[in-house]
Amino acid sequence: MKGFILLLPIFLLASTGCAQKLPPTELATKLEQLATAGDTAALAKLAARQCSGGNADSSRQCYEDYFLELAKGERVQLSLGALARLGKDDPQVERDGHGYTHVIGIRAWKPGDDVSAKFRSCNGLFQSGCYHGVIQAWFTQSGPIDSVRANQLCDLIAPNPADRWLRFQCVHGLGHGFEMVWNWELPRALTGCDWLVSSWDRESCYGGAFMENAVAAATGSHHTSSHALQVSAKDAAPAAMEHDMAGMKEMPHEHAPDTKTITFKMLDSADALYPCSIVSAQYLRACYQLQGGIILRRSNRNWTAAATTCDSAPADVRSYCYQSIGTMTSGMTVGDDRKAAAECAHGDPGFQPFCFAGVVKNRIDVTAKAIDGIAFCKEIPAGGNRTQCYVAVGQQISVLHSVDLAARASDCALAGSEGEAECRVGAALDETVKPRK
């Protein structure tokens, strides 16, 4: 239990004021007992018992360290199962779930492991953060990264064309990894993505880099990954190597990047479209697809103001800006499809449909289940917005089932008479459909 001793003070910080929390020794024993039994429900309850009730930062830090410990020793699926149960009972855990899945993925891989096997032990829970965490761990602990190794990694993990969804998780994770290993220097991370051979891989990688930049730069954010990487790498390394771990010397030693060492300006208080406003043309599409979080934070979640900001983006990428507003709306309205639909009904009617597309794509991305996106579309009044929603469902289905046309058709059929035809167009099963009135 050497690694757990390092983590227990975090639990003690988070446990102030709650007599029911277990003391360190009992906690360590109880966690191991429940993990051995494979009891995800009890593990979720134990996590809530130890970590809920404090302020937001202490609770979040406590949960991170809980899942760092739980995910050790081939317990990735068990940890994801416990996190899923915990998220069902606690909306805040669900909102922060992507970060916790990153932590589990980081803990999953250590030098000497089969990275492909560890990657495939993850699942799509909370926007597939576990996959991204495995890539981040591999980046920071496997030695110097060059163009050959970057291209080989995803060919090793997802070489089959049928694994397009899995490959996306890999190349998107590369973008996160480039950002972190190069200390959140966004321009350098984007040039790392440029090493990838195919345009589809590059575009997916750009999105990971921009996402990492946006999350790490958020005011008051509590970025999980660098702390998890430090703990995981320290446990994996021999004692003599603890102060000289390959790939880790550039990494900050806290939960968020050390902004004093970053030369790239991550945000611009005078420009809501930054960094999209300063990157080269080949990066604009991916950048605007991730700009919604920055825009909504700056507008204090005023969706009308956010849409107005998107209206100032270049016309050829404005749809991606609206889509990014929808993506963030999805995360901010978990469990409330009606509210999400209401918030997207702002701004230019010609671009509103893309906000709805952003919501529904994110709904499906979180769970990898088409039915979750279809449920959202049903809350939208008939017209162009609902049409685009079902088309977007089909687009996500085509990623989930890249070569299985029968599976695409089966998922689209779940939309019923009001959306199946539109879904089939998005899924590239049919060519056209007339918009419904």
Protein backbone atom coordinates (compact mmCIF):
# COMPACT_ATOMS: atom_id res chain seq x y z
CA MET A 1 0.00 0.00 0.00
CA LYS A 2 3.01 2.31 -0.50
CA GLY A 3 1.18 4.42 -3.12
CA PHE A 4 -1.88 4.83 -0.92
CA ILE A 5 0.11 6.35 1.95
CA LEU A 6 0.94 9.24 -0.38
CA LEU A 7 -2.73 9.83 -1.08
CA LEU A 8 -4.33 9.53 2.32
CA PRO A 9 -3.67 13.12 3.47
CA ILE A 10 -5.87 14.27 0.59
CA PHE A 11 -8.75 12.23 1.99
CA LEU A 12 -8.16 13.74 5.41
CA LEU A 13 -8.33 17.25 3.97
CA ALA A 14 -11.60 16.43 2.27
CA SER A 15 -13.10 14.76 5.31
CA THR A 16 -13.18 17.74 7.65
CA GLY A 17 -16.48 18.04 9.42
CA CYS A 18 -17.92 14.62 8.59
CA ALA A 19 -17.68 12.01 11.38
CA GLN A 20 -18.75 9.16 9.13
CA LYS A 21 -15.58 9.22 7.03
CA LEU A 22 -13.19 6.37 7.64
CA PRO A 23 -9.73 6.99 9.09
CA PRO A 24 -6.77 6.22 6.79
CA THR A 25 -5.99 2.66 7.84
CA GLU A 26 -9.61 1.54 7.76
CA LEU A 27 -10.12 3.29 4.43
CA ALA A 28 -7.19 1.49 2.83
CA THR A 29 -8.40 -1.87 4.10
CA LYS A 30 -12.00 -1.27 3.08
CA LEU A 31 -11.07 -0.15 -0.43
CA GLU A 32 -8.98 -3.27 -0.99
CA GLN A 33 -11.74 -5.54 0.32
CA LEU A 34 -14.36 -4.02 -1.97
CA ALA A 35 -12.01 -4.00 -4.95
CA THR A 36 -11.20 -7.68 -4.42
CA ALA A 37 -14.92 -8.43 -4.29
CA GLY A 38 -15.53 -6.39 -7.44
CA ASP A 39 -18.35 -4.48 -5.75
CA THR A 40 -18.72 -1.31 -7.85
CA ALA A 41 -21.82 -0.11 -6.00
CA ALA A 42 -20.08 -0.32 -2.63
CA LEU A 43 -16.95 1.32 -4.04
CA ALA A 44 -19.06 4.21 -5.30
CA LYS A 45 -20.67 4.60 -1.88
CA LEU A 46 -17.26 4.52 -0.21
CA ALA A 47 -16.02 7.25 -2.53
CA ALA A 48 -19.03 9.42 -1.76
CA ARG A 49 -18.61 8.78 1.97
CA GLN A 50 -14.98 9.93 1.89
CA CYS A 51 -15.17 12.80 -0.57
CA SER A 52 -18.58 14.46 -0.53
CA GLY A 53 -19.51 17.28 1.80
CA GLY A 54 -16.41 19.44 1.40
CA ASN A 55 -15.92 22.41 -0.87
CA ALA A 56 -15.76 21.80 -4.61
CA ASP A 57 -11.96 21.77 -4.86
CA SER A 58 -11.33 19.46 -1.91
CA SER A 59 -14.03 17.03 -3.04
CA ARG A 60 -12.68 16.95 -6.57
CA GLN A 61 -9.13 16.38 -5.39
CA CYS A 62 -10.31 13.64 -3.05
CA TYR A 63 -12.16 11.84 -5.86
CA GLU A 64 -9.12 12.09 -8.13
CA ASP A 65 -6.90 10.43 -5.56
CA TYR A 66 -9.51 7.82 -4.72
CA PHE A 67 -9.67 6.71 -8.35
CA LEU A 68 -5.90 6.89 -8.71
CA GLU A 69 -5.65 4.28 -5.97
CA LEU A 70 -8.61 2.19 -7.10
CA ALA A 71 -7.35 1.95 -10.71
CA LYS A 72 -4.03 0.39 -9.72
CA GLY A 73 -3.32 -3.25 -10.49
CA GLU A 74 -5.46 -4.10 -13.52
CA ARG A 75 -8.59 -2.49 -12.07
CA VAL A 76 -9.51 -0.15 -14.92
CA GLN A 77 -12.93 -1.63 -15.69
CA LEU A 78 -13.75 -1.90 -12.00
CA SER A 79 -12.84 1.76 -11.50
CA LEU A 80 -14.91 2.89 -14.47
CA GLY A 81 -17.84 0.87 -13.18
CA ALA A 82 -17.61 2.50 -9.75
CA LEU A 83 -17.31 5.95 -11.31
CA ALA A 84 -20.36 5.34 -13.48
CA ARG A 85 -22.40 4.34 -10.40
CA LEU A 86 -21.14 7.40 -8.53
CA GLY A 87 -22.04 9.70 -11.42
CA LYS A 88 -25.63 8.45 -11.47
CA ASP A 89 -26.09 9.58 -7.88
CA ASP A 90 -24.09 12.83 -8.00
CA PRO A 91 -24.61 15.28 -10.89
CA GLN A 92 -21.41 17.14 -9.99
CA VAL A 93 -19.38 13.94 -10.32
CA GLU A 94 -21.00 13.40 -13.70
CA ARG A 95 -20.05 16.93 -14.77
CA ASP A 96 -16.45 16.37 -13.64
CA GLY A 97 -16.42 12.77 -14.87
CA HIS A 98 -14.23 13.37 -17.92
CA GLY A 99 -11.39 14.44 -15.67
CA TYR A 100 -11.80 11.40 -13.42
CA THR A 101 -11.75 9.05 -16.40
CA HIS A 102 -8.49 10.70 -17.50
CA VAL A 103 -7.08 9.81 -14.07
CA ILE A 104 -8.15 6.18 -14.43
CA GLY A 105 -6.57 5.94 -17.87
CA ILE A 106 -3.33 7.48 -16.66
CA ARG A 107 -3.18 4.93 -13.85
CA ALA A 108 -3.91 2.08 -16.27
CA TRP A 109 -0.62 2.19 -18.16
CA LYS A 110 2.96 1.96 -16.90
CA PRO A 111 6.24 1.33 -18.73
CA GLY A 112 6.44 -2.25 -19.96
CA ASP A 113 2.67 -2.66 -20.39
CA ASP A 114 1.04 -3.40 -23.74
CA VAL A 115 -0.37 0.03 -24.56
CA SER A 116 -2.92 -1.39 -26.99
CA ALA A 117 -4.29 -3.81 -24.39
CA LYS A 118 -4.50 -1.08 -21.75
CA PHE A 119 -6.19 1.27 -24.18
CA ARG A 120 -8.81 -1.33 -25.03
CA SER A 121 -9.50 -1.94 -21.36
CA CYS A 122 -11.11 1.51 -21.28
CA ASN A 123 -14.63 2.38 -22.41
CA GLY A 124 -16.49 5.47 -23.60
CA LEU A 125 -17.63 6.64 -20.15
CA PHE A 126 -17.75 10.43 -19.78
CA GLN A 127 -16.47 11.36 -23.24
CA SER A 128 -13.88 8.60 -23.33
CA GLY A 129 -11.41 10.26 -20.99
CA CYS A 130 -9.89 6.91 -19.99
CA TYR A 131 -8.58 6.42 -23.52
CA HIS A 132 -7.03 9.87 -23.48
CA GLY A 133 -5.42 9.22 -20.10
CA VAL A 134 -3.68 6.09 -21.37
CA ILE A 135 -2.20 8.11 -24.24
CA GLN A 136 -1.07 10.83 -21.84
CA ALA A 137 0.64 8.29 -19.59
CA TRP A 138 2.35 6.68 -22.58
CA PHE A 139 3.53 10.09 -23.80
CA THR A 140 5.08 11.17 -20.54
CA GLN A 141 6.62 7.87 -19.44
CA SER A 142 7.70 6.06 -22.61
CA GLY A 143 10.62 8.19 -23.75
CA PRO A 144 11.09 10.93 -26.35
CA ILE A 145 8.27 11.37 -28.87
CA ASP A 146 8.98 11.84 -32.55
CA SER A 147 6.92 11.68 -35.75
CA VAL A 148 7.55 7.96 -36.26
CA ARG A 149 6.42 6.96 -32.78
CA ALA A 150 3.42 9.28 -32.89
CA ASN A 151 2.17 7.70 -36.12
CA GLN A 152 2.92 4.16 -34.99
CA LEU A 153 0.96 4.44 -31.75
CA CYS A 154 -2.54 4.70 -33.21
CA ASP A 155 -1.69 2.23 -35.98
CA LEU A 156 -0.88 -0.20 -33.19
CA ILE A 157 -3.98 0.58 -31.13
CA ALA A 158 -6.60 0.81 -33.89
CA PRO A 159 -5.30 -0.53 -37.23
CA ASN A 160 -8.67 -1.88 -38.40
CA PRO A 161 -10.90 0.49 -40.43
CA ALA A 162 -13.84 -0.85 -38.41
CA ASP A 163 -12.28 0.74 -35.30
CA ARG A 164 -12.73 4.33 -36.50
CA TRP A 165 -14.34 5.41 -33.22
CA LEU A 166 -11.48 3.85 -31.26
CA ARG A 167 -8.91 5.44 -33.55
CA PHE A 168 -10.51 8.83 -32.96
CA GLN A 169 -10.00 8.39 -29.22
CA CYS A 170 -6.34 7.61 -29.87
CA VAL A 171 -5.51 10.51 -32.18
CA HIS A 172 -7.60 12.92 -30.09
CA GLY A 173 -5.62 11.70 -27.08
CA LEU A 174 -2.41 12.49 -28.94
CA GLY A 175 -3.44 16.15 -28.98
CA HIS A 176 -3.88 16.09 -25.20
CA GLY A 177 -0.53 14.35 -24.87
CA PHE A 178 1.38 16.80 -27.06
CA GLU A 179 0.02 19.69 -24.99
CA MET A 180 0.98 18.17 -21.67
CA VAL A 181 4.41 16.82 -22.55
CA TRP A 182 5.32 20.19 -24.08
CA ASN A 183 4.02 22.20 -21.13
CA TRP A 184 0.84 23.54 -22.72
CA GLU A 185 2.64 25.32 -25.56
CA LEU A 186 -0.29 25.14 -27.98
CA PRO A 187 1.57 26.07 -31.20
CA ARG A 188 4.13 23.34 -30.58
CA ALA A 189 1.39 20.80 -29.81
CA LEU A 190 -0.34 21.60 -33.10
CA THR A 191 2.88 21.04 -35.01
CA GLY A 192 3.09 17.65 -33.29
CA CYS A 193 -0.36 16.86 -34.68
CA ASP A 194 0.95 17.87 -38.09
CA TRP A 195 3.26 14.84 -37.94
CA LEU A 196 0.25 12.57 -38.48
CA VAL A 197 -0.10 11.28 -42.01
CA SER A 198 -3.85 11.45 -42.68
CA SER A 199 -5.89 14.66 -42.60
CA TRP A 200 -8.58 12.92 -40.51
CA ASP A 201 -6.00 11.98 -37.87
CA ARG A 202 -4.54 15.48 -37.85
CA GLU A 203 -7.94 17.14 -37.46
CA SER A 204 -8.84 14.84 -34.55
CA CYS A 205 -5.49 15.53 -32.92
CA TYR A 206 -5.93 19.30 -33.25
CA GLY A 207 -9.20 18.96 -31.34
CA GLY A 208 -7.42 17.23 -28.46
CA ALA A 209 -4.79 19.97 -28.28
CA PHE A 210 -7.37 22.77 -28.30
CA MET A 211 -9.46 20.95 -25.69
CA GLU A 212 -6.45 20.55 -23.41
CA ASN A 213 -5.59 24.24 -23.81
CA ALA A 214 -9.16 25.37 -23.07
CA VAL A 215 -9.60 23.17 -19.99
CA ALA A 216 -6.18 23.96 -18.55
CA ALA A 217 -6.63 27.70 -19.09
CA ALA A 218 -10.13 27.93 -17.58
CA THR A 219 -10.36 30.36 -14.71
CA GLY A 220 -10.73 28.39 -11.50
CA SER A 221 -10.35 25.06 -13.30
CA HIS A 222 -8.82 22.13 -11.47
CA HIS A 223 -7.00 20.17 -14.13
CA THR A 224 -6.48 16.62 -13.02
CA SER A 225 -4.06 15.04 -15.41
CA SER A 226 -0.64 16.40 -14.46
CA HIS A 227 -1.02 15.41 -10.80
CA ALA A 228 -2.17 11.94 -11.80
CA LEU A 229 0.79 11.55 -14.13
CA GLN A 230 3.21 12.53 -11.37
CA VAL A 231 1.76 10.05 -8.87
CA SER A 232 1.48 7.24 -11.41
CA ALA A 233 4.99 7.73 -12.79
CA LYS A 234 6.50 7.92 -9.31
CA ASP A 235 4.89 4.64 -8.28
CA ALA A 236 6.04 2.95 -11.49
CA ALA A 237 9.66 4.14 -11.37
CA PRO A 238 12.47 2.54 -9.32
CA ALA A 239 13.48 4.60 -6.30
CA ALA A 240 16.73 5.70 -7.94
CA MET A 241 14.79 7.14 -10.86
CA GLU A 242 12.14 9.05 -8.92
CA HIS A 243 13.85 12.39 -9.46
CA ASP A 244 14.77 11.80 -13.11
CA MET A 245 11.81 10.12 -14.80
CA ALA A 246 11.89 10.10 -18.57
CA GLY A 247 9.57 12.66 -20.07
CA MET A 248 8.47 14.08 -16.72
CA LYS A 249 11.03 16.80 -16.05
CA GLU A 250 9.06 19.38 -18.00
CA MET A 251 5.77 18.54 -16.29
CA PRO A 252 4.29 20.81 -13.61
CA HIS A 253 3.98 19.20 -10.18
CA GLU A 254 0.50 20.40 -9.34
CA HIS A 255 -3.05 19.76 -10.53
CA ALA A 256 -2.86 22.57 -13.07
CA PRO A 257 -0.11 23.77 -15.41
CA ASP A 258 2.49 26.14 -13.94
CA THR A 259 1.56 29.28 -15.86
CA LYS A 260 4.88 30.91 -14.90
CA THR A 261 6.73 28.48 -17.15
CA ILE A 262 4.34 28.71 -20.14
CA THR A 263 5.37 31.15 -22.84
CA PHE A 264 2.19 30.77 -24.91
CA LYS A 265 -0.67 33.06 -23.84
CA MET A 266 -3.49 30.57 -23.26
CA LEU A 267 -6.32 33.16 -23.05
CA ASP A 268 -6.78 36.79 -24.07
CA SER A 269 -9.12 38.80 -21.86
CA ALA A 270 -9.81 41.22 -24.71
CA ASP A 271 -10.66 38.59 -27.34
CA ALA A 272 -13.39 35.99 -26.83
CA LEU A 273 -12.32 34.20 -30.03
CA TYR A 274 -8.71 33.74 -28.94
CA PRO A 275 -6.75 31.49 -29.66
CA CYS A 276 -8.78 30.83 -32.83
CA SER A 277 -8.17 34.42 -33.89
CA ILE A 278 -4.40 33.91 -34.08
CA VAL A 279 -3.88 30.33 -35.32
CA SER A 280 -3.19 29.36 -38.92
CA ALA A 281 -6.03 28.53 -41.29
CA GLN A 282 -5.57 24.75 -41.15
CA TYR A 283 -6.36 24.80 -37.42
CA LEU A 284 -9.47 27.01 -37.49
CA ARG A 285 -12.11 24.30 -37.82
CA ALA A 286 -10.81 22.33 -34.86
CA CYS A 287 -10.27 25.47 -32.80
CA TYR A 288 -13.78 26.80 -33.22
CA GLN A 289 -15.21 23.39 -32.37
CA LEU A 290 -13.64 23.84 -28.91
CA GLN A 291 -14.17 27.58 -28.39
CA GLY A 292 -17.63 27.35 -26.82
CA GLY A 293 -16.38 26.85 -23.28
CA ILE A 294 -14.28 30.01 -23.40
CA ILE A 295 -17.14 32.00 -24.93
CA LEU A 296 -19.74 30.85 -22.40
CA ARG A 297 -17.44 31.51 -19.45
CA ARG A 298 -16.76 35.04 -20.69
CA SER A 299 -20.49 35.71 -21.12
CA ASN A 300 -21.36 34.24 -17.69
CA ARG A 301 -23.43 31.57 -19.44
CA ASN A 302 -25.52 34.11 -21.32
CA TRP A 303 -26.44 32.08 -24.39
CA THR A 304 -27.69 35.09 -26.36
CA ALA A 305 -24.39 36.88 -25.81
CA ALA A 306 -22.48 33.69 -26.67
CA ALA A 307 -24.32 33.35 -29.97
CA THR A 308 -23.56 37.00 -30.75
CA THR A 309 -19.88 36.29 -30.19
CA CYS A 310 -20.05 33.38 -32.60
CA ASP A 311 -21.66 35.70 -35.14
CA SER A 312 -18.38 37.63 -35.22
CA ALA A 313 -16.38 34.53 -36.23
CA PRO A 314 -15.39 34.12 -39.89
CA ALA A 315 -18.40 32.96 -41.90
CA ASP A 316 -16.80 29.74 -43.08
CA VAL A 317 -16.21 28.51 -39.52
CA ARG A 318 -19.19 30.12 -37.77
CA SER A 319 -21.13 26.85 -37.79
CA TYR A 320 -18.35 25.21 -35.78
CA CYS A 321 -18.51 28.01 -33.23
CA TYR A 322 -22.25 27.42 -32.78
CA GLN A 323 -21.60 23.69 -32.54
CA SER A 324 -19.08 24.29 -29.77
CA ILE A 325 -21.69 26.30 -27.85
CA GLY A 326 -23.93 23.24 -28.13
CA THR A 327 -21.18 20.92 -26.93
CA MET A 328 -20.72 23.00 -23.80
CA THR A 329 -24.47 23.36 -23.35
CA SER A 330 -24.70 19.58 -23.25
CA GLY A 331 -22.26 19.41 -20.37
CA MET A 332 -23.97 22.24 -18.50
CA THR A 333 -27.46 20.71 -18.77
CA VAL A 334 -26.80 17.08 -17.92
CA GLY A 335 -30.13 15.32 -17.39
CA ASP A 336 -32.19 18.26 -18.65
CA ASP A 337 -32.76 17.95 -22.39
CA ARG A 338 -35.48 20.60 -22.40
CA LYS A 339 -33.14 23.21 -20.94
CA ALA A 340 -30.47 22.30 -23.47
CA ALA A 341 -32.96 22.71 -26.30
CA ALA A 342 -34.09 26.08 -24.96
CA GLU A 343 -30.55 27.41 -24.63
CA CYS A 344 -29.67 26.54 -28.22
CA ALA A 345 -32.64 28.52 -29.56
CA HIS A 346 -30.65 31.77 -29.63
CA GLY A 347 -28.70 33.64 -32.25
CA ASP A 348 -28.84 33.52 -36.03
CA PRO A 349 -31.57 31.06 -37.11
CA GLY A 350 -29.33 29.99 -39.95
CA PHE A 351 -26.71 28.75 -37.49
CA GLN A 352 -28.89 27.62 -34.57
CA PRO A 353 -29.15 24.07 -35.93
CA PHE A 354 -25.43 23.59 -35.36
CA CYS A 355 -25.84 24.33 -31.66
CA PHE A 356 -28.38 21.51 -31.46
CA ALA A 357 -25.95 19.30 -33.37
CA GLY A 358 -23.27 20.08 -30.79
CA VAL A 359 -25.54 19.04 -27.94
CA VAL A 360 -26.60 15.77 -29.50
CA LYS A 361 -23.11 14.78 -30.63
CA ASN A 362 -21.83 15.33 -27.14
CA ARG A 363 -24.73 13.36 -25.63
CA ILE A 364 -23.72 10.40 -27.78
CA ASP A 365 -20.00 10.96 -27.22
CA VAL A 366 -20.49 10.72 -23.45
CA THR A 367 -22.19 7.32 -23.53
CA ALA A 368 -21.45 5.95 -27.03
CA LYS A 369 -25.20 5.21 -27.30
CA ALA A 370 -27.31 6.63 -30.12
CA ILE A 371 -30.51 6.44 -28.07
CA ASP A 372 -29.22 9.15 -25.71
CA GLY A 373 -28.94 11.56 -28.62
CA ILE A 374 -32.32 10.58 -30.00
CA ALA A 375 -33.94 11.38 -26.65
CA PHE A 376 -32.61 14.94 -26.93
CA CYS A 377 -33.86 15.41 -30.49
CA LYS A 378 -37.37 14.51 -29.37
CA GLU A 379 -37.40 17.62 -27.14
CA ILE A 380 -36.87 19.98 -30.09
CA PRO A 381 -39.87 21.54 -31.88
CA ALA A 382 -40.39 20.38 -35.46
CA GLY A 383 -38.39 22.29 -38.04
CA GLY A 384 -34.82 22.84 -39.15
CA ASN A 385 -33.30 22.52 -35.69
CA ARG A 386 -34.81 19.09 -35.12
CA THR A 387 -33.90 18.00 -38.65
CA GLN A 388 -30.25 18.90 -38.05
CA CYS A 389 -30.34 17.15 -34.69
CA TYR A 390 -31.32 13.84 -36.24
CA VAL A 391 -28.78 14.29 -39.03
CA ALA A 392 -26.11 14.81 -36.35
CA VAL A 393 -27.26 11.62 -34.61
CA GLY A 394 -26.64 9.79 -37.85
CA GLN A 395 -23.21 11.36 -38.19
CA GLN A 396 -22.23 10.08 -34.76
CA ILE A 397 -23.66 6.67 -35.55
CA SER A 398 -21.44 6.50 -38.63
CA VAL A 399 -18.43 6.96 -36.36
CA LEU A 400 -19.63 4.35 -33.87
CA HIS A 401 -20.24 1.87 -36.71
CA SER A 402 -17.68 2.85 -39.33
CA VAL A 403 -18.12 -0.23 -41.55
CA ASP A 404 -21.25 -1.94 -40.20
CA LEU A 405 -24.09 -0.48 -42.26
CA ALA A 406 -26.66 -2.79 -40.70
CA ALA A 407 -25.78 -1.48 -37.25
CA ARG A 408 -26.16 2.08 -38.50
CA ALA A 409 -29.61 1.30 -39.87
CA SER A 410 -30.63 -0.41 -36.65
CA ASP A 411 -29.59 2.59 -34.54
CA CYS A 412 -31.34 5.07 -36.84
CA ALA A 413 -34.54 3.03 -36.62
CA LEU A 414 -34.64 3.93 -32.92
CA ALA A 415 -35.52 7.49 -33.98
CA GLY A 416 -38.91 6.35 -35.24
CA SER A 417 -40.98 8.05 -37.90
CA GLU A 418 -40.04 11.58 -36.88
CA GLY A 419 -36.28 11.19 -37.27
CA GLU A 420 -35.22 7.94 -38.94
CA ALA A 421 -35.03 9.42 -42.45
CA GLU A 422 -32.85 12.33 -41.29
CA CYS A 423 -30.66 10.02 -39.24
CA ARG A 424 -30.08 7.79 -42.26
CA VAL A 425 -28.83 10.77 -44.26
CA GLY A 426 -26.39 11.68 -41.50
CA ALA A 427 -25.26 8.07 -41.28
CA ALA A 428 -24.57 8.05 -45.06
CA LEU A 429 -27.20 5.36 -45.65
CA ASP A 430 -29.34 7.62 -47.86
CA GLU A 431 -28.44 10.69 -49.89
CA THR A 432 -31.24 13.18 -49.26
CA VAL A 433 -34.41 13.80 -47.27
CA LYS A 434 -36.90 16.62 -47.40
CA PRO A 435 -36.97 18.73 -44.21
CA ARG A 436 -40.06 18.15 -42.08
CA LYS A 437 -42.45 21.02 -41.57
